[in-house]
């Protein structure tokens, strides 16, 4: 029987806009992902809402590690079987 590890979490972080990165995901640059720009949060904040919608957070873990502030409300580690049924679960509160 194959098992899966699923991590579920909730919380928030205040990103350091000079260190957080955003990856372009729009269609302006075609399929050549090497041309898709990565920009800082400072650059992203200067974009219009429509332009911001063409980007996504590049790396959540990096954003969390370099955050100015934040709170992890909960972290669940779930072991599930190949059908997605929970086998065991543990919850950690911060």
C-alpha atoms as a PDB file:
ATOM      1  CA  UNK A   1       0.000   0.000   0.000  1.00  0.00           C
ATOM      2  CA  UNK A   2       1.357   3.397  -1.053  1.00  0.00           C
ATOM      3  CA  UNK A   3       1.028   6.297   1.374  1.00  0.00           C
ATOM      4  CA  UNK A   4       1.087  10.066   0.881  1.00  0.00           C
ATOM      5  CA  UNK A   5       2.197  12.803   3.257  1.00  0.00           C
ATOM      6  CA  UNK A   6      -0.065  15.857   3.112  1.00  0.00           C
ATOM      7  CA  UNK A   7       0.770  19.088   4.950  1.00  0.00           C
ATOM      8  CA  UNK A   8      -2.022  21.573   5.616  1.00  0.00           C
ATOM      9  CA  UNK A   9      -1.357  24.893   7.297  1.00  0.00           C
ATOM     10  CA  UNK A  10      -2.845  28.279   8.058  1.00  0.00           C
ATOM     11  CA  UNK A  11      -1.362  31.589   9.025  1.00  0.00           C
ATOM     12  CA  UNK A  12       0.103  34.759   7.554  1.00  0.00           C
ATOM     13  CA  UNK A  13       3.410  36.534   6.915  1.00  0.00           C
ATOM     14  CA  UNK A  14       4.330  40.170   6.324  1.00  0.00           C
ATOM     15  CA  UNK A  15       6.773  39.949   3.427  1.00  0.00           C
ATOM     16  CA  UNK A  16       9.954  41.993   3.163  1.00  0.00           C
ATOM     17  CA  UNK A  17       9.217  43.602  -0.214  1.00  0.00           C
ATOM     18  CA  UNK A  18      12.923  43.959  -0.997  1.00  0.00           C
ATOM     19  CA  UNK A  19      13.501  40.211  -0.560  1.00  0.00           C
ATOM     20  CA  UNK A  20      10.279  38.475  -1.634  1.00  0.00           C
ATOM     21  CA  UNK A  21      10.165  37.411  -5.291  1.00  0.00           C
ATOM     22  CA  UNK A  22       7.358  37.117  -7.822  1.00  0.00           C
ATOM     23  CA  UNK A  23       7.454  34.872 -10.916  1.00  0.00           C
ATOM     24  CA  UNK A  24       5.778  35.934 -14.144  1.00  0.00           C
ATOM     25  CA  UNK A  25       2.994  33.513 -15.199  1.00  0.00           C
ATOM     26  CA  UNK A  26       1.184  35.549 -17.885  1.00  0.00           C
ATOM     27  CA  UNK A  27       1.154  34.782 -21.593  1.00  0.00           C
ATOM     28  CA  UNK A  28       3.180  37.764 -22.858  1.00  0.00           C
ATOM     29  CA  UNK A  29       6.433  35.772 -23.145  1.00  0.00           C
ATOM     30  CA  UNK A  30       5.005  32.592 -24.711  1.00  0.00           C
ATOM     31  CA  UNK A  31       6.120  29.117 -23.692  1.00  0.00           C
ATOM     32  CA  UNK A  32       9.818  29.944 -23.243  1.00  0.00           C
ATOM     33  CA  UNK A  33       9.970  29.906 -19.423  1.00  0.00           C
ATOM     34  CA  UNK A  34      13.570  31.166 -19.534  1.00  0.00           C
ATOM     35  CA  UNK A  35      12.149  34.519 -20.630  1.00  0.00           C
ATOM     36  CA  UNK A  36       9.605  34.701 -17.795  1.00  0.00           C
ATOM     37  CA  UNK A  37      10.905  37.388 -15.437  1.00  0.00           C
ATOM     38  CA  UNK A  38      11.292  37.137 -11.674  1.00  0.00           C
ATOM     39  CA  UNK A  39      10.899  40.480  -9.895  1.00  0.00           C
ATOM     40  CA  UNK A  40      11.171  41.734  -6.316  1.00  0.00           C
ATOM     41  CA  UNK A  41       8.205  42.719  -4.199  1.00  0.00           C
ATOM     42  CA  UNK A  42       9.213  46.379  -4.568  1.00  0.00           C
ATOM     43  CA  UNK A  43       8.935  46.049  -8.357  1.00  0.00           C
ATOM     44  CA  UNK A  44       5.677  44.093  -8.075  1.00  0.00           C
ATOM     45  CA  UNK A  45       4.101  46.797  -5.871  1.00  0.00           C
ATOM     46  CA  UNK A  46       4.727  49.399  -8.614  1.00  0.00           C
ATOM     47  CA  UNK A  47       2.674  47.406 -11.145  1.00  0.00           C
ATOM     48  CA  UNK A  48      -1.017  47.981 -11.848  1.00  0.00           C
ATOM     49  CA  UNK A  49      -3.492  45.418 -10.491  1.00  0.00           C
ATOM     50  CA  UNK A  50      -3.812  43.896 -13.981  1.00  0.00           C
ATOM     51  CA  UNK A  51      -0.025  43.559 -14.255  1.00  0.00           C
ATOM     52  CA  UNK A  52       0.236  42.093 -10.736  1.00  0.00           C
ATOM     53  CA  UNK A  53      -2.256  39.412 -11.793  1.00  0.00           C
ATOM     54  CA  UNK A  54       0.368  38.132 -14.275  1.00  0.00           C
ATOM     55  CA  UNK A  55       2.697  37.201 -11.389  1.00  0.00           C
ATOM     56  CA  UNK A  56       2.607  34.700  -8.546  1.00  0.00           C
ATOM     57  CA  UNK A  57       4.669  34.323  -5.398  1.00  0.00           C
ATOM     58  CA  UNK A  58       7.886  32.649  -6.536  1.00  0.00           C
ATOM     59  CA  UNK A  59       8.729  30.732  -3.349  1.00  0.00           C
ATOM     60  CA  UNK A  60       6.503  30.615  -0.274  1.00  0.00           C
ATOM     61  CA  UNK A  61       9.177  29.103   1.963  1.00  0.00           C
ATOM     62  CA  UNK A  62      11.609  31.928   1.102  1.00  0.00           C
ATOM     63  CA  UNK A  63       8.862  34.497   1.770  1.00  0.00           C
ATOM     64  CA  UNK A  64       8.231  32.918   5.164  1.00  0.00           C
ATOM     65  CA  UNK A  65      11.938  32.684   6.057  1.00  0.00           C
ATOM     66  CA  UNK A  66      12.591  36.349   5.189  1.00  0.00           C
ATOM     67  CA  UNK A  67       9.305  37.694   6.609  1.00  0.00           C
ATOM     68  CA  UNK A  68       9.249  40.774   8.791  1.00  0.00           C
ATOM     69  CA  UNK A  69       6.437  39.312  10.907  1.00  0.00           C
ATOM     70  CA  UNK A  70       3.978  36.456  10.824  1.00  0.00           C
ATOM     71  CA  UNK A  71       2.038  33.814  12.624  1.00  0.00           C
ATOM     72  CA  UNK A  72       1.564  30.129  11.921  1.00  0.00           C
ATOM     73  CA  UNK A  73      -1.876  29.312  13.283  1.00  0.00           C
ATOM     74  CA  UNK A  74      -1.733  25.567  12.714  1.00  0.00           C
ATOM     75  CA  UNK A  75       0.189  22.893  10.852  1.00  0.00           C
ATOM     76  CA  UNK A  76      -1.340  19.490  10.123  1.00  0.00           C
ATOM     77  CA  UNK A  77       0.715  16.534   8.944  1.00  0.00           C
ATOM     78  CA  UNK A  78      -1.561  13.884   7.481  1.00  0.00           C
ATOM     79  CA  UNK A  79      -0.676  10.419   6.237  1.00  0.00           C
ATOM     80  CA  UNK A  80      -3.170   9.255   3.615  1.00  0.00           C
ATOM     81  CA  UNK A  81      -3.543   6.067   1.635  1.00  0.00           C
ATOM     82  CA  UNK A  82      -3.399   5.982  -2.175  1.00  0.00           C
ATOM     83  CA  UNK A  83      -7.113   6.880  -2.314  1.00  0.00           C
ATOM     84  CA  UNK A  84      -6.620  10.012  -0.210  1.00  0.00           C
ATOM     85  CA  UNK A  85      -8.218   8.569   2.933  1.00  0.00           C
ATOM     86  CA  UNK A  86      -6.599   9.796   6.160  1.00  0.00           C
ATOM     87  CA  UNK A  87      -4.637   7.093   7.954  1.00  0.00           C
ATOM     88  CA  UNK A  88      -3.145   9.251  10.712  1.00  0.00           C
ATOM     89  CA  UNK A  89      -2.997  12.967  11.452  1.00  0.00           C
ATOM     90  CA  UNK A  90      -1.212  15.246  13.881  1.00  0.00           C
ATOM     91  CA  UNK A  91      -1.828  18.927  14.542  1.00  0.00           C
ATOM     92  CA  UNK A  92       0.675  21.481  15.772  1.00  0.00           C
ATOM     93  CA  UNK A  93      -0.373  24.910  17.007  1.00  0.00           C
ATOM     94  CA  UNK A  94       2.067  27.767  17.255  1.00  0.00           C
END
